Structures are given as structure tokens and as C-alpha cells.
Amino acid sequence: MTGMTLASWLKHFQRNNGLKKVSPHGLRYSNTIMLITNGADIKTVSARLGRADVKITLNIYSQYTTEADRKVSNLIDELLSG
């Protein structure tokens, strides 16, 4: 599926279902944030984005990796105190 085909399909789908407009790039960005903040491995996320260097992903999404780290720290704290 080409980018234009996806954009056209998405626009049609949103209009027919009364959804707010979002671009394919917006979906990609949201998907990446959801994966990172829910503990997905940054190297895997970066590969799924098609990036050859994980540093690019880390630079763009560093604020979300910090939040993911905080979640993991809280989980470890819960496991050790429970």
C-alpha cells in the first residue's frame, strides 16, 4: 500500500465513522509513544520504524523513554515490597 493510498483510505474511514482527523504520521507517532511508554524495547521499536540507528529514535522520543523507565522502577519497587 502506498502512502497516498493509506492517506486516502484513512481520510475516508475517518469521515465515514465521525472520527477526528489524524495523519498516517500521527498514527506512527502515537504507536511509537504507546509502545515505548508500555515498556517495549527501544531497539525493537526503532527497527519497526525502519531506522538503521537506534540513536535517532532515542533522540526523538527521549522524554517517553524516561517515563517508561519510571514505570519500570515503580514496578520493581512494587515487586520487591510485596
N, C-alpha and C. Protein backbone atom coordinates (compact mmCIF):
# COMPACT_ATOMS: atom_id res chain seq x y z
N MET A 1 0.86 -1.18 0.00
CA MET A 1 0.00 0.00 0.00
C MET A 1 0.90 1.24 0.00
N THR A 2 0.65 2.14 -0.90
CA THR A 2 1.43 3.37 -0.95
C THR A 2 0.96 4.36 0.12
N GLY A 3 1.80 5.35 0.38
CA GLY A 3 1.44 6.37 1.36
C GLY A 3 0.17 7.11 0.99
N MET A 4 0.01 7.41 -0.29
CA MET A 4 -1.19 8.13 -0.73
C MET A 4 -2.44 7.25 -0.60
N THR A 5 -2.30 5.98 -0.89
CA THR A 5 -3.43 5.06 -0.73
C THR A 5 -3.85 5.00 0.73
N LEU A 6 -2.87 4.90 1.63
CA LEU A 6 -3.17 4.85 3.06
C LEU A 6 -3.82 6.15 3.51
N ALA A 7 -3.28 7.27 3.09
CA ALA A 7 -3.85 8.58 3.48
C ALA A 7 -5.28 8.72 2.99
N SER A 8 -5.53 8.29 1.76
CA SER A 8 -6.87 8.36 1.18
C SER A 8 -7.84 7.45 1.94
N TRP A 9 -7.41 6.23 2.22
CA TRP A 9 -8.24 5.28 2.95
C TRP A 9 -8.54 5.81 4.35
N LEU A 10 -7.52 6.35 5.01
CA LEU A 10 -7.68 6.86 6.36
C LEU A 10 -8.66 8.03 6.39
N LYS A 11 -8.54 8.93 5.44
CA LYS A 11 -9.45 10.08 5.36
C LYS A 11 -10.90 9.61 5.18
N HIS A 12 -11.10 8.66 4.29
CA HIS A 12 -12.42 8.09 4.03
C HIS A 12 -12.97 7.40 5.29
N PHE A 13 -12.15 6.62 5.95
CA PHE A 13 -12.55 5.90 7.15
C PHE A 13 -12.95 6.87 8.26
N GLN A 14 -12.14 7.91 8.45
CA GLN A 14 -12.43 8.90 9.49
C GLN A 14 -13.75 9.62 9.20
N ARG A 15 -13.95 10.02 7.96
CA ARG A 15 -15.17 10.74 7.59
C ARG A 15 -16.39 9.84 7.79
N ASN A 16 -16.32 8.59 7.38
CA ASN A 16 -17.46 7.69 7.49
C ASN A 16 -17.78 7.26 8.91
N ASN A 17 -16.82 7.40 9.82
CA ASN A 17 -17.02 6.97 11.19
C ASN A 17 -17.03 8.12 12.19
N GLY A 18 -17.07 9.34 11.69
CA GLY A 18 -17.16 10.51 12.57
C GLY A 18 -15.95 10.67 13.48
N LEU A 19 -14.78 10.28 13.00
CA LEU A 19 -13.57 10.37 13.81
C LEU A 19 -12.81 11.66 13.52
N LYS A 20 -12.03 12.09 14.51
CA LYS A 20 -11.18 13.26 14.31
C LYS A 20 -10.11 12.93 13.27
N LYS A 21 -9.70 13.97 12.55
CA LYS A 21 -8.68 13.79 11.52
C LYS A 21 -7.32 13.53 12.16
N VAL A 22 -6.64 12.52 11.67
CA VAL A 22 -5.27 12.21 12.08
C VAL A 22 -4.53 11.71 10.84
N SER A 23 -3.29 12.11 10.73
CA SER A 23 -2.49 11.72 9.56
C SER A 23 -1.82 10.36 9.80
N PRO A 24 -1.38 9.70 8.73
CA PRO A 24 -0.61 8.46 8.92
C PRO A 24 0.61 8.70 9.81
N HIS A 25 1.26 9.87 9.66
CA HIS A 25 2.41 10.17 10.52
C HIS A 25 1.98 10.28 11.98
N GLY A 26 0.80 10.86 12.22
CA GLY A 26 0.29 10.95 13.58
C GLY A 26 0.04 9.58 14.19
N LEU A 27 -0.45 8.65 13.37
CA LEU A 27 -0.65 7.28 13.85
C LEU A 27 0.68 6.62 14.18
N ARG A 28 1.67 6.85 13.33
CA ARG A 28 3.02 6.28 13.55
C ARG A 28 3.59 6.82 14.86
N TYR A 29 3.47 8.13 15.07
CA TYR A 29 3.99 8.77 16.27
C TYR A 29 3.27 8.23 17.52
N SER A 30 1.95 8.16 17.46
CA SER A 30 1.17 7.66 18.59
C SER A 30 1.51 6.21 18.91
N ASN A 31 1.65 5.40 17.86
CA ASN A 31 2.00 3.99 18.05
C ASN A 31 3.36 3.87 18.75
N THR A 32 4.31 4.67 18.31
CA THR A 32 5.65 4.63 18.90
C THR A 32 5.61 5.01 20.37
N ILE A 33 4.89 6.07 20.70
CA ILE A 33 4.78 6.51 22.09
C ILE A 33 4.13 5.43 22.94
N MET A 34 3.06 4.82 22.44
CA MET A 34 2.39 3.77 23.20
C MET A 34 3.31 2.58 23.45
N LEU A 35 4.07 2.19 22.45
CA LEU A 35 5.00 1.07 22.61
C LEU A 35 6.06 1.39 23.67
N ILE A 36 6.68 2.57 23.55
CA ILE A 36 7.75 2.93 24.47
C ILE A 36 7.24 3.07 25.90
N THR A 37 6.13 3.78 26.09
CA THR A 37 5.63 4.01 27.45
C THR A 37 5.07 2.75 28.09
N ASN A 38 4.84 1.72 27.29
CA ASN A 38 4.38 0.45 27.86
C ASN A 38 5.49 -0.59 27.93
N GLY A 39 6.74 -0.11 27.83
CA GLY A 39 7.87 -0.98 28.11
C GLY A 39 8.48 -1.72 26.95
N ALA A 40 8.09 -1.40 25.72
CA ALA A 40 8.69 -2.08 24.58
C ALA A 40 10.16 -1.70 24.47
N ASP A 41 10.97 -2.64 24.08
CA ASP A 41 12.40 -2.45 23.90
C ASP A 41 12.65 -1.41 22.80
N ILE A 42 13.44 -0.37 23.11
CA ILE A 42 13.66 0.73 22.18
C ILE A 42 14.32 0.27 20.89
N LYS A 43 15.18 -0.74 20.95
CA LYS A 43 15.83 -1.25 19.74
C LYS A 43 14.79 -1.89 18.82
N THR A 44 13.85 -2.63 19.38
CA THR A 44 12.79 -3.25 18.59
C THR A 44 11.88 -2.19 17.99
N VAL A 45 11.51 -1.20 18.79
CA VAL A 45 10.66 -0.11 18.30
C VAL A 45 11.35 0.60 17.14
N SER A 46 12.62 0.91 17.32
CA SER A 46 13.38 1.59 16.29
C SER A 46 13.43 0.78 15.00
N ALA A 47 13.64 -0.51 15.12
CA ALA A 47 13.66 -1.38 13.94
C ALA A 47 12.31 -1.41 13.24
N ARG A 48 11.23 -1.42 14.01
CA ARG A 48 9.88 -1.42 13.43
C ARG A 48 9.60 -0.12 12.69
N LEU A 49 10.25 0.96 13.11
CA LEU A 49 10.10 2.24 12.44
C LEU A 49 10.95 2.31 11.17
N GLY A 50 11.81 1.31 10.99
CA GLY A 50 12.65 1.27 9.81
C GLY A 50 13.93 2.08 9.95
N ARG A 51 14.32 2.34 11.16
CA ARG A 51 15.51 3.14 11.40
C ARG A 51 16.73 2.23 11.56
N ALA A 52 17.81 2.61 10.92
CA ALA A 52 19.05 1.83 11.00
C ALA A 52 19.79 2.11 12.30
N ASP A 53 19.57 3.28 12.89
CA ASP A 53 20.29 3.67 14.10
C ASP A 53 19.30 4.01 15.21
N VAL A 54 19.41 3.30 16.30
CA VAL A 54 18.50 3.49 17.43
C VAL A 54 18.66 4.88 18.05
N LYS A 55 19.79 5.53 17.85
CA LYS A 55 20.02 6.87 18.42
C LYS A 55 18.99 7.88 17.92
N ILE A 56 18.57 7.75 16.68
CA ILE A 56 17.57 8.67 16.13
C ILE A 56 16.27 8.55 16.92
N THR A 57 15.84 7.32 17.14
CA THR A 57 14.62 7.08 17.91
C THR A 57 14.76 7.60 19.33
N LEU A 58 15.91 7.34 19.95
CA LEU A 58 16.14 7.82 21.31
C LEU A 58 16.11 9.34 21.38
N ASN A 59 16.69 10.01 20.41
CA ASN A 59 16.69 11.48 20.41
C ASN A 59 15.29 12.04 20.26
N ILE A 60 14.48 11.45 19.41
CA ILE A 60 13.13 11.96 19.16
C ILE A 60 12.19 11.67 20.33
N TYR A 61 12.31 10.48 20.91
CA TYR A 61 11.35 10.03 21.91
C TYR A 61 11.94 9.93 23.32
N SER A 62 13.02 10.65 23.60
CA SER A 62 13.71 10.51 24.89
C SER A 62 12.82 10.81 26.09
N GLN A 63 11.90 11.78 25.96
CA GLN A 63 11.03 12.09 27.10
C GLN A 63 10.12 10.91 27.44
N TYR A 64 9.79 10.10 26.44
CA TYR A 64 8.92 8.94 26.68
C TYR A 64 9.70 7.76 27.22
N THR A 65 10.99 7.66 26.88
CA THR A 65 11.79 6.58 27.46
C THR A 65 12.01 6.84 28.95
N THR A 66 12.07 8.11 29.34
CA THR A 66 12.19 8.47 30.76
C THR A 66 10.95 8.03 31.52
N GLU A 67 9.77 8.26 30.93
CA GLU A 67 8.52 7.84 31.57
C GLU A 67 8.45 6.32 31.67
N ALA A 68 8.87 5.62 30.62
CA ALA A 68 8.87 4.16 30.63
C ALA A 68 9.80 3.65 31.72
N ASP A 69 10.96 4.31 31.88
CA ASP A 69 11.90 3.92 32.93
C ASP A 69 11.28 4.11 34.31
N ARG A 70 10.53 5.20 34.48
CA ARG A 70 9.87 5.46 35.76
C ARG A 70 8.85 4.36 36.06
N LYS A 71 8.10 3.93 35.03
CA LYS A 71 7.12 2.86 35.22
C LYS A 71 7.80 1.56 35.65
N VAL A 72 8.92 1.25 35.01
CA VAL A 72 9.65 0.02 35.34
C VAL A 72 10.19 0.11 36.77
N SER A 73 10.70 1.28 37.14
CA SER A 73 11.19 1.46 38.51
C SER A 73 10.08 1.25 39.53
N ASN A 74 8.91 1.79 39.25
CA ASN A 74 7.76 1.60 40.15
C ASN A 74 7.36 0.14 40.23
N LEU A 75 7.40 -0.56 39.10
CA LEU A 75 7.06 -1.97 39.08
C LEU A 75 8.04 -2.77 39.93
N ILE A 76 9.32 -2.49 39.79
CA ILE A 76 10.33 -3.20 40.59
C ILE A 76 10.11 -2.92 42.07
N ASP A 77 9.81 -1.68 42.41
CA ASP A 77 9.54 -1.32 43.79
C ASP A 77 8.35 -2.11 44.34
N GLU A 78 7.29 -2.21 43.55
CA GLU A 78 6.10 -2.97 43.97
C GLU A 78 6.44 -4.45 44.17
N LEU A 79 7.21 -5.00 43.24
CA LEU A 79 7.56 -6.42 43.34
C LEU A 79 8.44 -6.71 44.56
N LEU A 80 9.35 -5.81 44.87
CA LEU A 80 10.25 -6.03 45.99
C LEU A 80 9.58 -5.78 47.35
N SER A 81 8.59 -4.90 47.38
CA SER A 81 7.93 -4.59 48.64
C SER A 81 6.70 -5.45 48.88
N GLY A 82 6.29 -6.22 47.88
CA GLY A 82 5.08 -7.00 48.01
C GLY A 82 5.35 -8.38 48.30
